[in-house]
All heavy atoms as atom14 arrays in JSON, in Angstrom:
{
  "sequence": "PLLEVIDLSKTFRLPRTRLFGPRPERHAVDGVDFRVDAGRSFGIVG",
  "atom14_mask": [
    [1, 1, 1, 1, 1, 1, 1, 0, 0, 0, 0, 0, 0, 0],
    [1, 1, 1, 1, 1, 1, 1, 1, 0, 0, 0, 0, 0, 0],
    [1, 1, 1, 1, 1, 1, 1, 1, 0, 0, 0, 0, 0, 0],
    [1, 1, 1, 1, 1, 1, 1, 1, 1, 0, 0, 0, 0, 0],
    [1, 1, 1, 1, 1, 1, 1, 0, 0, 0, 0, 0, 0, 0],
    [1, 1, 1, 1, 1, 1, 1, 1, 0, 0, 0, 0, 0, 0],
    [1, 1, 1, 1, 1, 1, 1, 1, 0, 0, 0, 0, 0, 0],
    [1, 1, 1, 1, 1, 1, 1, 1, 0, 0, 0, 0, 0, 0],
    [1, 1, 1, 1, 1, 1, 0, 0, 0, 0, 0, 0, 0, 0],
    [1, 1, 1, 1, 1, 1, 1, 1, 1, 0, 0, 0, 0, 0],
    [1, 1, 1, 1, 1, 1, 1, 0, 0, 0, 0, 0, 0, 0],
    [1, 1, 1, 1, 1, 1, 1, 1, 1, 1, 1, 0, 0, 0],
    [1, 1, 1, 1, 1, 1, 1, 1, 1, 1, 1, 0, 0, 0],
    [1, 1, 1, 1, 1, 1, 1, 1, 0, 0, 0, 0, 0, 0],
    [1, 1, 1, 1, 1, 1, 1, 0, 0, 0, 0, 0, 0, 0],
    [1, 1, 1, 1, 1, 1, 1, 1, 1, 1, 1, 0, 0, 0],
    [1, 1, 1, 1, 1, 1, 1, 0, 0, 0, 0, 0, 0, 0],
    [1, 1, 1, 1, 1, 1, 1, 1, 1, 1, 1, 0, 0, 0],
    [1, 1, 1, 1, 1, 1, 1, 1, 0, 0, 0, 0, 0, 0],
    [1, 1, 1, 1, 1, 1, 1, 1, 1, 1, 1, 0, 0, 0],
    [1, 1, 1, 1, 0, 0, 0, 0, 0, 0, 0, 0, 0, 0],
    [1, 1, 1, 1, 1, 1, 1, 0, 0, 0, 0, 0, 0, 0],
    [1, 1, 1, 1, 1, 1, 1, 1, 1, 1, 1, 0, 0, 0],
    [1, 1, 1, 1, 1, 1, 1, 0, 0, 0, 0, 0, 0, 0],
    [1, 1, 1, 1, 1, 1, 1, 1, 1, 0, 0, 0, 0, 0],
    [1, 1, 1, 1, 1, 1, 1, 1, 1, 1, 1, 0, 0, 0],
    [1, 1, 1, 1, 1, 1, 1, 1, 1, 1, 0, 0, 0, 0],
    [1, 1, 1, 1, 1, 0, 0, 0, 0, 0, 0, 0, 0, 0],
    [1, 1, 1, 1, 1, 1, 1, 0, 0, 0, 0, 0, 0, 0],
    [1, 1, 1, 1, 1, 1, 1, 1, 0, 0, 0, 0, 0, 0],
    [1, 1, 1, 1, 0, 0, 0, 0, 0, 0, 0, 0, 0, 0],
    [1, 1, 1, 1, 1, 1, 1, 0, 0, 0, 0, 0, 0, 0],
    [1, 1, 1, 1, 1, 1, 1, 1, 0, 0, 0, 0, 0, 0],
    [1, 1, 1, 1, 1, 1, 1, 1, 1, 1, 1, 0, 0, 0],
    [1, 1, 1, 1, 1, 1, 1, 1, 1, 1, 1, 0, 0, 0],
    [1, 1, 1, 1, 1, 1, 1, 0, 0, 0, 0, 0, 0, 0],
    [1, 1, 1, 1, 1, 1, 1, 1, 0, 0, 0, 0, 0, 0],
    [1, 1, 1, 1, 1, 0, 0, 0, 0, 0, 0, 0, 0, 0],
    [1, 1, 1, 1, 0, 0, 0, 0, 0, 0, 0, 0, 0, 0],
    [1, 1, 1, 1, 1, 1, 1, 1, 1, 1, 1, 0, 0, 0],
    [1, 1, 1, 1, 1, 1, 0, 0, 0, 0, 0, 0, 0, 0],
    [1, 1, 1, 1, 1, 1, 1, 1, 1, 1, 1, 0, 0, 0],
    [1, 1, 1, 1, 0, 0, 0, 0, 0, 0, 0, 0, 0, 0],
    [1, 1, 1, 1, 1, 1, 1, 1, 0, 0, 0, 0, 0, 0],
    [1, 1, 1, 1, 1, 1, 1, 0, 0, 0, 0, 0, 0, 0],
    [1, 1, 1, 1, 0, 0, 0, 0, 0, 0, 0, 0, 0, 0]
  ],
  "atom14_positions": [
    [[17.95, 9.21, 5.38], [16.83, 9.12, 6.32], [16.9, 7.84, 7.14], [17.51, 6.84, 6.72], [15.61, 9.12, 5.4], [16.11, 8.53, 4.12], [17.53, 8.99, 3.98], [0.0, 0.0, 0.0], [0.0, 0.0, 0.0], [0.0, 0.0, 0.0], [0.0, 0.0, 0.0], [0.0, 0.0, 0.0], [0.0, 0.0, 0.0], [0.0, 0.0, 0.0]],
    [[16.27, 7.87, 8.31], [16.18, 6.64, 9.11], [15.26, 5.63, 8.41], [15.59, 4.45, 8.31], [15.63, 6.98, 10.49], [15.35, 5.78, 11.41], [16.65, 5.1, 11.79], [14.59, 6.21, 12.66], [0.0, 0.0, 0.0], [0.0, 0.0, 0.0], [0.0, 0.0, 0.0], [0.0, 0.0, 0.0], [0.0, 0.0, 0.0], [0.0, 0.0, 0.0]],
    [[14.11, 6.1, 7.93], [13.15, 5.24, 7.23], [12.89, 5.81, 5.86], [12.65, 7.02, 5.71], [11.84, 5.16, 8.02], [10.68, 4.43, 7.34], [10.97, 2.95, 7.21], [9.36, 4.66, 8.1], [0.0, 0.0, 0.0], [0.0, 0.0, 0.0], [0.0, 0.0, 0.0], [0.0, 0.0, 0.0], [0.0, 0.0, 0.0], [0.0, 0.0, 0.0]],
    [[12.93, 4.96, 4.86], [12.64, 5.38, 3.49], [11.72, 4.35, 2.84], [12.03, 3.15, 2.84], [13.93, 5.52, 2.69], [13.75, 6.18, 1.34], [15.07, 6.5, 0.66], [16.1, 5.96, 1.09], [15.06, 7.28, -0.31], [0.0, 0.0, 0.0], [0.0, 0.0, 0.0], [0.0, 0.0, 0.0], [0.0, 0.0, 0.0], [0.0, 0.0, 0.0]],
    [[10.6, 4.82, 2.34], [9.63, 3.98, 1.65], [9.59, 4.41, 0.19], [9.38, 5.59, -0.11], [8.24, 4.11, 2.3], [7.18, 3.39, 1.47], [8.27, 3.57, 3.72], [0.0, 0.0, 0.0], [0.0, 0.0, 0.0], [0.0, 0.0, 0.0], [0.0, 0.0, 0.0], [0.0, 0.0, 0.0], [0.0, 0.0, 0.0], [0.0, 0.0, 0.0]],
    [[9.81, 3.46, -0.72], [10.0, 3.78, -2.13], [8.98, 3.03, -2.97], [8.97, 1.79, -2.99], [11.43, 3.41, -2.59], [12.47, 4.11, -1.7], [11.64, 3.77, -4.05], [13.89, 3.59, -1.91], [0.0, 0.0, 0.0], [0.0, 0.0, 0.0], [0.0, 0.0, 0.0], [0.0, 0.0, 0.0], [0.0, 0.0, 0.0], [0.0, 0.0, 0.0]],
    [[8.11, 3.79, -3.66], [7.15, 3.24, -4.64], [6.42, 2.01, -4.1], [6.33, 0.98, -4.76], [7.88, 2.92, -5.94], [6.91, 2.8, -7.11], [5.79, 3.34, -7.02], [7.26, 2.14, -8.11], [0.0, 0.0, 0.0], [0.0, 0.0, 0.0], [0.0, 0.0, 0.0], [0.0, 0.0, 0.0], [0.0, 0.0, 0.0], [0.0, 0.0, 0.0]],
    [[5.88, 2.14, -2.9], [5.27, 1.01, -2.2], [3.87, 0.74, -2.72], [3.05, 1.66, -2.83], [5.24, 1.29, -0.71], [4.9, 0.12, 0.22], [6.01, -0.91, 0.19], [4.68, 0.62, 1.64], [0.0, 0.0, 0.0], [0.0, 0.0, 0.0], [0.0, 0.0, 0.0], [0.0, 0.0, 0.0], [0.0, 0.0, 0.0], [0.0, 0.0, 0.0]],
    [[3.58, -0.52, -3.0], [2.25, -0.93, -3.44], [1.88, -2.25, -2.77], [2.74, -3.09, -2.51], [2.19, -1.11, -4.96], [2.4, 0.12, -5.62], [0.0, 0.0, 0.0], [0.0, 0.0, 0.0], [0.0, 0.0, 0.0], [0.0, 0.0, 0.0], [0.0, 0.0, 0.0], [0.0, 0.0, 0.0], [0.0, 0.0, 0.0], [0.0, 0.0, 0.0]],
    [[0.59, -2.4, -2.49], [0.07, -3.65, -1.95], [-1.3, -3.91, -2.52], [-2.22, -3.07, -2.41], [-0.01, -3.59, -0.41], [-0.57, -4.86, 0.21], [0.3, -6.09, -0.08], [-0.28, -7.35, 0.56], [0.56, -8.54, 0.26], [0.0, 0.0, 0.0], [0.0, 0.0, 0.0], [0.0, 0.0, 0.0], [0.0, 0.0, 0.0], [0.0, 0.0, 0.0]],
    [[-1.45, -5.07, -3.16], [-2.72, -5.48, -3.75], [-3.22, -6.73, -3.06], [-2.45, -7.69, -2.88], [-2.54, -5.75, -5.26], [-2.06, -4.56, -5.9], [-3.85, -6.15, -5.89], [0.0, 0.0, 0.0], [0.0, 0.0, 0.0], [0.0, 0.0, 0.0], [0.0, 0.0, 0.0], [0.0, 0.0, 0.0], [0.0, 0.0, 0.0], [0.0, 0.0, 0.0]],
    [[-4.47, -6.72, -2.64], [-5.09, -7.88, -2.03], [-6.06, -8.5, -3.02], [-6.82, -7.79, -3.68], [-5.85, -7.49, -0.76], [-4.96, -7.06, 0.37], [-4.79, -5.7, 0.64], [-4.29, -7.99, 1.14], [-3.98, -5.29, 1.69], [-3.48, -7.58, 2.19], [-3.32, -6.23, 2.46], [0.0, 0.0, 0.0], [0.0, 0.0, 0.0], [0.0, 0.0, 0.0]],
    [[-6.05, -9.82, -3.08], [-7.01, -10.54, -3.92], [-8.24, -10.84, -3.08], [-8.15, -11.4, -1.98], [-6.39, -11.82, -4.47], [-5.14, -11.58, -5.31], [-4.69, -12.83, -6.01], [-5.61, -13.19, -7.07], [-5.48, -14.32, -7.79], [-4.51, -15.17, -7.53], [-6.36, -14.59, -8.74], [0.0, 0.0, 0.0], [0.0, 0.0, 0.0], [0.0, 0.0, 0.0]],
    [[-9.4, -10.46, -3.58], [-10.66, -10.6, -2.86], [-11.34, -11.92, -3.23], [-11.0, -12.54, -4.25], [-11.57, -9.42, -3.19], [-10.97, -8.03, -2.92], [-11.96, -6.96, -3.35], [-10.6, -7.87, -1.46], [0.0, 0.0, 0.0], [0.0, 0.0, 0.0], [0.0, 0.0, 0.0], [0.0, 0.0, 0.0], [0.0, 0.0, 0.0], [0.0, 0.0, 0.0]],
    [[-12.29, -12.36, -2.43], [-13.05, -13.58, -2.79], [-13.79, -13.4, -4.11], [-14.2, -12.29, -4.48], [-14.03, -13.74, -1.62], [-13.41, -12.99, -0.49], [-12.68, -11.83, -1.12], [0.0, 0.0, 0.0], [0.0, 0.0, 0.0], [0.0, 0.0, 0.0], [0.0, 0.0, 0.0], [0.0, 0.0, 0.0], [0.0, 0.0, 0.0], [0.0, 0.0, 0.0]],
    [[-13.96, -14.5, -4.81], [-14.67, -14.46, -6.1], [-16.13, -14.07, -5.88], [-16.79, -14.52, -4.96], [-14.62, -15.82, -6.78], [-13.3, -16.1, -7.49], [-13.43, -17.35, -8.36], [-12.21, -17.58, -9.11], [-11.2, -18.31, -8.67], [-11.27, -18.88, -7.49], [-10.12, -18.48, -9.41], [0.0, 0.0, 0.0], [0.0, 0.0, 0.0], [0.0, 0.0, 0.0]],
    [[-16.6, -13.21, -6.75], [-18.02, -12.85, -6.75], [-18.8, -13.69, -7.76], [-20.03, -13.7, -7.74], [-18.19, -11.37, -7.08], [-17.56, -11.08, -8.34], [-17.56, -10.5, -6.0], [0.0, 0.0, 0.0], [0.0, 0.0, 0.0], [0.0, 0.0, 0.0], [0.0, 0.0, 0.0], [0.0, 0.0, 0.0], [0.0, 0.0, 0.0], [0.0, 0.0, 0.0]],
    [[-18.06, -14.37, -8.67], [-18.68, -15.26, -9.65], [-17.97, -16.6, -9.63], [-16.82, -16.7, -9.2], [-18.59, -14.65, -11.06], [-19.4, -13.36, -11.22], [-19.27, -12.81, -12.62], [-17.89, -12.41, -12.89], [-17.47, -11.94, -14.06], [-18.31, -11.86, -15.07], [-16.21, -11.57, -14.22], [0.0, 0.0, 0.0], [0.0, 0.0, 0.0], [0.0, 0.0, 0.0]],
    [[-18.64, -17.64, -10.1], [-18.07, -18.97, -10.06], [-16.82, -19.07, -10.92], [-15.83, -19.72, -10.55], [-19.12, -19.99, -10.51], [-18.71, -21.47, -10.45], [-18.35, -21.86, -9.03], [-19.82, -22.36, -11.0], [0.0, 0.0, 0.0], [0.0, 0.0, 0.0], [0.0, 0.0, 0.0], [0.0, 0.0, 0.0], [0.0, 0.0, 0.0], [0.0, 0.0, 0.0]],
    [[-16.85, -18.42, -12.08], [-15.71, -18.48, -13.0], [-15.12, -17.08, -13.17], [-15.74, -16.08, -12.85], [-16.14, -19.04, -14.36], [-16.71, -20.44, -14.28], [-18.09, -20.64, -14.34], [-15.87, -21.53, -14.11], [-18.62, -21.92, -14.26], [-16.4, -22.81, -14.03], [-17.76, -23.01, -14.1], [0.0, 0.0, 0.0], [0.0, 0.0, 0.0], [0.0, 0.0, 0.0]],
    [[-13.93, -17.04, -13.68], [-13.27, -15.76, -13.91], [-12.25, -15.45, -12.83], [-12.18, -16.11, -11.8], [0.0, 0.0, 0.0], [0.0, 0.0, 0.0], [0.0, 0.0, 0.0], [0.0, 0.0, 0.0], [0.0, 0.0, 0.0], [0.0, 0.0, 0.0], [0.0, 0.0, 0.0], [0.0, 0.0, 0.0], [0.0, 0.0, 0.0], [0.0, 0.0, 0.0]],
    [[-11.43, -14.44, -13.07], [-10.38, -14.1, -12.11], [-10.95, -13.51, -10.82], [-12.04, -12.94, -10.81], [-9.54, -13.06, -12.86], [-10.5, -12.44, -13.83], [-11.44, -13.54, -14.23], [0.0, 0.0, 0.0], [0.0, 0.0, 0.0], [0.0, 0.0, 0.0], [0.0, 0.0, 0.0], [0.0, 0.0, 0.0], [0.0, 0.0, 0.0], [0.0, 0.0, 0.0]],
    [[-10.2, -13.64, -9.73], [-10.6, -13.04, -8.47], [-10.37, -11.54, -8.54], [-9.34, -11.08, -9.05], [-9.79, -13.64, -7.32], [-10.15, -15.09, -7.03], [-9.18, -15.72, -6.05], [-9.19, -15.02, -4.77], [-8.39, -15.36, -3.76], [-7.54, -16.37, -3.89], [-8.44, -14.7, -2.63], [0.0, 0.0, 0.0], [0.0, 0.0, 0.0], [0.0, 0.0, 0.0]],
    [[-11.29, -10.73, -8.04], [-11.09, -9.27, -8.06], [-9.94, -8.87, -7.14], [-9.6, -9.6, -6.19], [-12.43, -8.72, -7.58], [-13.04, -9.83, -6.8], [-12.58, -11.1, -7.44], [0.0, 0.0, 0.0], [0.0, 0.0, 0.0], [0.0, 0.0, 0.0], [0.0, 0.0, 0.0], [0.0, 0.0, 0.0], [0.0, 0.0, 0.0], [0.0, 0.0, 0.0]],
    [[-9.35, -7.73, -7.41], [-8.23, -7.24, -6.62], [-8.55, -5.87, -6.05], [-9.33, -5.11, -6.62], [-6.96, -7.15, -7.48], [-6.45, -8.49, -7.97], [-5.17, -8.34, -8.77], [-4.9, -7.22, -9.24], [-4.45, -9.34, -8.92], [0.0, 0.0, 0.0], [0.0, 0.0, 0.0], [0.0, 0.0, 0.0], [0.0, 0.0, 0.0], [0.0, 0.0, 0.0]],
    [[-7.92, -5.57, -4.92], [-8.05, -4.25, -4.31], [-6.66, -3.69, -4.08], [-5.82, -4.32, -3.45], [-8.81, -4.34, -2.98], [-8.8, -3.02, -2.21], [-9.66, -3.1, -0.98], [-9.53, -1.91, -0.17], [-10.22, -1.68, 0.93], [-11.09, -2.57, 1.36], [-10.05, -0.57, 1.62], [0.0, 0.0, 0.0], [0.0, 0.0, 0.0], [0.0, 0.0, 0.0]],
    [[-6.43, -2.48, -4.6], [-5.14, -1.82, -4.43], [-5.18, -1.02, -3.12], [-5.62, 0.13, -3.09], [-4.85, -0.9, -5.62], [-4.78, -1.63, -6.93], [-3.68, -2.35, -7.32], [-5.7, -1.77, -7.92], [-3.9, -2.91, -8.51], [-5.12, -2.56, -8.89], [0.0, 0.0, 0.0], [0.0, 0.0, 0.0], [0.0, 0.0, 0.0], [0.0, 0.0, 0.0]],
    [[-4.73, -1.65, -2.05], [-4.77, -0.98, -0.74], [-3.75, 0.14, -0.65], [-3.99, 1.17, -0.02], [-4.52, -2.0, 0.37], [0.0, 0.0, 0.0], [0.0, 0.0, 0.0], [0.0, 0.0, 0.0], [0.0, 0.0, 0.0], [0.0, 0.0, 0.0], [0.0, 0.0, 0.0], [0.0, 0.0, 0.0], [0.0, 0.0, 0.0], [0.0, 0.0, 0.0]],
    [[-2.59, -0.05, -1.26], [-1.54, 0.97, -1.31], [-1.05, 1.03, -2.75], [-0.77, -0.02, -3.36], [-0.36, 0.65, -0.35], [0.7, 1.73, -0.41], [-0.87, 0.47, 1.08], [0.0, 0.0, 0.0], [0.0, 0.0, 0.0], [0.0, 0.0, 0.0], [0.0, 0.0, 0.0], [0.0, 0.0, 0.0], [0.0, 0.0, 0.0], [0.0, 0.0, 0.0]],
    [[-0.91, 2.24, -3.29], [-0.63, 2.38, -4.72], [0.46, 3.42, -4.96], [0.2, 4.61, -5.07], [-1.92, 2.79, -5.44], [-1.79, 2.75, -6.96], [-0.73, 2.33, -7.46], [-2.75, 3.16, -7.65], [0.0, 0.0, 0.0], [0.0, 0.0, 0.0], [0.0, 0.0, 0.0], [0.0, 0.0, 0.0], [0.0, 0.0, 0.0], [0.0, 0.0, 0.0]],
    [[1.71, 2.97, -4.99], [2.83, 3.84, -5.37], [3.14, 4.93, -4.37], [3.27, 6.11, -4.74], [0.0, 0.0, 0.0], [0.0, 0.0, 0.0], [0.0, 0.0, 0.0], [0.0, 0.0, 0.0], [0.0, 0.0, 0.0], [0.0, 0.0, 0.0], [0.0, 0.0, 0.0], [0.0, 0.0, 0.0], [0.0, 0.0, 0.0], [0.0, 0.0, 0.0]],
    [[3.32, 4.58, -3.1], [3.55, 5.55, -2.03], [5.04, 5.73, -1.78], [5.79, 4.75, -1.71], [2.83, 5.1, -0.74], [3.34, 5.87, 0.48], [1.33, 5.27, -0.89], [0.0, 0.0, 0.0], [0.0, 0.0, 0.0], [0.0, 0.0, 0.0], [0.0, 0.0, 0.0], [0.0, 0.0, 0.0], [0.0, 0.0, 0.0], [0.0, 0.0, 0.0]],
    [[5.48, 6.98, -1.65], [6.87, 7.31, -1.33], [6.9, 8.27, -0.15], [6.14, 9.23, -0.12], [7.58, 8.0, -2.51], [7.72, 7.1, -3.73], [8.7, 6.36, -3.79], [6.84, 7.17, -4.61], [0.0, 0.0, 0.0], [0.0, 0.0, 0.0], [0.0, 0.0, 0.0], [0.0, 0.0, 0.0], [0.0, 0.0, 0.0], [0.0, 0.0, 0.0]],
    [[7.8, 8.03, 0.81], [8.07, 9.02, 1.85], [9.36, 8.65, 2.58], [9.87, 7.53, 2.45], [6.9, 9.16, 2.84], [6.61, 7.94, 3.67], [7.19, 7.77, 4.93], [5.73, 6.97, 3.21], [6.9, 6.66, 5.71], [5.44, 5.86, 3.98], [6.03, 5.7, 5.23], [0.0, 0.0, 0.0], [0.0, 0.0, 0.0], [0.0, 0.0, 0.0]],
    [[9.87, 9.6, 3.36], [11.07, 9.38, 4.16], [10.88, 10.05, 5.51], [10.19, 11.06, 5.63], [12.32, 9.93, 3.45], [12.21, 11.38, 3.04], [13.47, 11.86, 2.33], [14.54, 12.13, 3.29], [15.82, 12.17, 2.95], [16.19, 11.94, 1.7], [16.74, 12.43, 3.86], [0.0, 0.0, 0.0], [0.0, 0.0, 0.0], [0.0, 0.0, 0.0]],
    [[11.51, 9.47, 6.53], [11.43, 10.01, 7.87], [12.86, 10.11, 8.41], [13.56, 9.1, 8.5], [10.58, 9.13, 8.82], [10.37, 9.85, 10.15], [9.24, 8.77, 8.19], [0.0, 0.0, 0.0], [0.0, 0.0, 0.0], [0.0, 0.0, 0.0], [0.0, 0.0, 0.0], [0.0, 0.0, 0.0], [0.0, 0.0, 0.0], [0.0, 0.0, 0.0]],
    [[13.28, 11.31, 8.77], [14.61, 11.51, 9.33], [14.63, 11.16, 10.8], [13.59, 11.21, 11.49], [15.06, 12.97, 9.13], [15.25, 13.32, 7.66], [15.66, 12.43, 6.89], [14.97, 14.47, 7.28], [0.0, 0.0, 0.0], [0.0, 0.0, 0.0], [0.0, 0.0, 0.0], [0.0, 0.0, 0.0], [0.0, 0.0, 0.0], [0.0, 0.0, 0.0]],
    [[15.8, 10.82, 11.31], [15.94, 10.43, 12.72], [15.5, 11.57, 13.63], [15.82, 12.74, 13.39], [17.38, 10.04, 13.01], [0.0, 0.0, 0.0], [0.0, 0.0, 0.0], [0.0, 0.0, 0.0], [0.0, 0.0, 0.0], [0.0, 0.0, 0.0], [0.0, 0.0, 0.0], [0.0, 0.0, 0.0], [0.0, 0.0, 0.0], [0.0, 0.0, 0.0]],
    [[14.75, 11.23, 14.69], [14.29, 12.22, 15.65], [13.1, 13.03, 15.2], [12.67, 13.94, 15.92], [0.0, 0.0, 0.0], [0.0, 0.0, 0.0], [0.0, 0.0, 0.0], [0.0, 0.0, 0.0], [0.0, 0.0, 0.0], [0.0, 0.0, 0.0], [0.0, 0.0, 0.0], [0.0, 0.0, 0.0], [0.0, 0.0, 0.0], [0.0, 0.0, 0.0]],
    [[12.52, 12.7, 14.06], [11.37, 13.42, 13.54], [10.12, 12.53, 13.61], [10.19, 11.35, 13.9], [11.61, 13.85, 12.08], [12.88, 14.64, 11.87], [12.74, 16.08, 12.3], [11.94, 16.82, 11.35], [11.61, 18.11, 11.5], [12.0, 18.77, 12.59], [10.89, 18.74, 10.6], [0.0, 0.0, 0.0], [0.0, 0.0, 0.0], [0.0, 0.0, 0.0]],
    [[8.97, 13.13, 13.31], [7.7, 12.39, 13.32], [6.98, 12.62, 12.01], [6.84, 13.76, 11.55], [6.81, 12.85, 14.48], [7.41, 12.58, 15.72], [0.0, 0.0, 0.0], [0.0, 0.0, 0.0], [0.0, 0.0, 0.0], [0.0, 0.0, 0.0], [0.0, 0.0, 0.0], [0.0, 0.0, 0.0], [0.0, 0.0, 0.0], [0.0, 0.0, 0.0]],
    [[6.51, 11.53, 11.42], [5.78, 11.57, 10.15], [4.41, 10.96, 10.39], [4.3, 9.84, 10.88], [6.54, 10.79, 9.08], [5.97, 10.94, 7.69], [6.39, 11.96, 6.85], [5.01, 10.05, 7.22], [5.88, 12.09, 5.57], [4.49, 10.18, 5.95], [4.93, 11.21, 5.12], [0.0, 0.0, 0.0], [0.0, 0.0, 0.0], [0.0, 0.0, 0.0]],
    [[3.36, 11.7, 10.05], [2.0, 11.23, 10.26], [1.29, 10.93, 8.96], [1.44, 11.66, 7.97], [0.0, 0.0, 0.0], [0.0, 0.0, 0.0], [0.0, 0.0, 0.0], [0.0, 0.0, 0.0], [0.0, 0.0, 0.0], [0.0, 0.0, 0.0], [0.0, 0.0, 0.0], [0.0, 0.0, 0.0], [0.0, 0.0, 0.0], [0.0, 0.0, 0.0]],
    [[0.53, 9.84, 8.94], [-0.31, 9.5, 7.79], [-1.75, 9.53, 8.26], [-2.12, 8.83, 9.22], [0.04, 8.11, 7.23], [1.51, 8.05, 6.81], [-0.86, 7.77, 6.04], [1.96, 6.69, 6.32], [0.0, 0.0, 0.0], [0.0, 0.0, 0.0], [0.0, 0.0, 0.0], [0.0, 0.0, 0.0], [0.0, 0.0, 0.0], [0.0, 0.0, 0.0]],
    [[-2.57, 10.35, 7.62], [-3.95, 10.55, 8.06], [-4.89, 10.28, 6.89], [-4.56, 10.54, 5.72], [-4.15, 11.98, 8.62], [-3.96, 13.02, 7.53], [-5.5, 12.15, 9.27], [0.0, 0.0, 0.0], [0.0, 0.0, 0.0], [0.0, 0.0, 0.0], [0.0, 0.0, 0.0], [0.0, 0.0, 0.0], [0.0, 0.0, 0.0], [0.0, 0.0, 0.0]],
    [[-6.05, 9.74, 7.2], [-7.05, 9.46, 6.18], [-8.19, 8.68, 6.8], [-8.11, 8.22, 7.94], [0.0, 0.0, 0.0], [0.0, 0.0, 0.0], [0.0, 0.0, 0.0], [0.0, 0.0, 0.0], [0.0, 0.0, 0.0], [0.0, 0.0, 0.0], [0.0, 0.0, 0.0], [0.0, 0.0, 0.0], [0.0, 0.0, 0.0], [0.0, 0.0, 0.0]]
  ]
}
């Protein structure tokens, strides 16, 4: 394929909601896989 995305994940750390303790996290992308062949179109909708 021209483009290949393999097991992609992205986690963002959010601001603390409490004075102590770990910062909360948000999993914006969680284990995404896809491929796009040359001359084709791949759409992501949501």
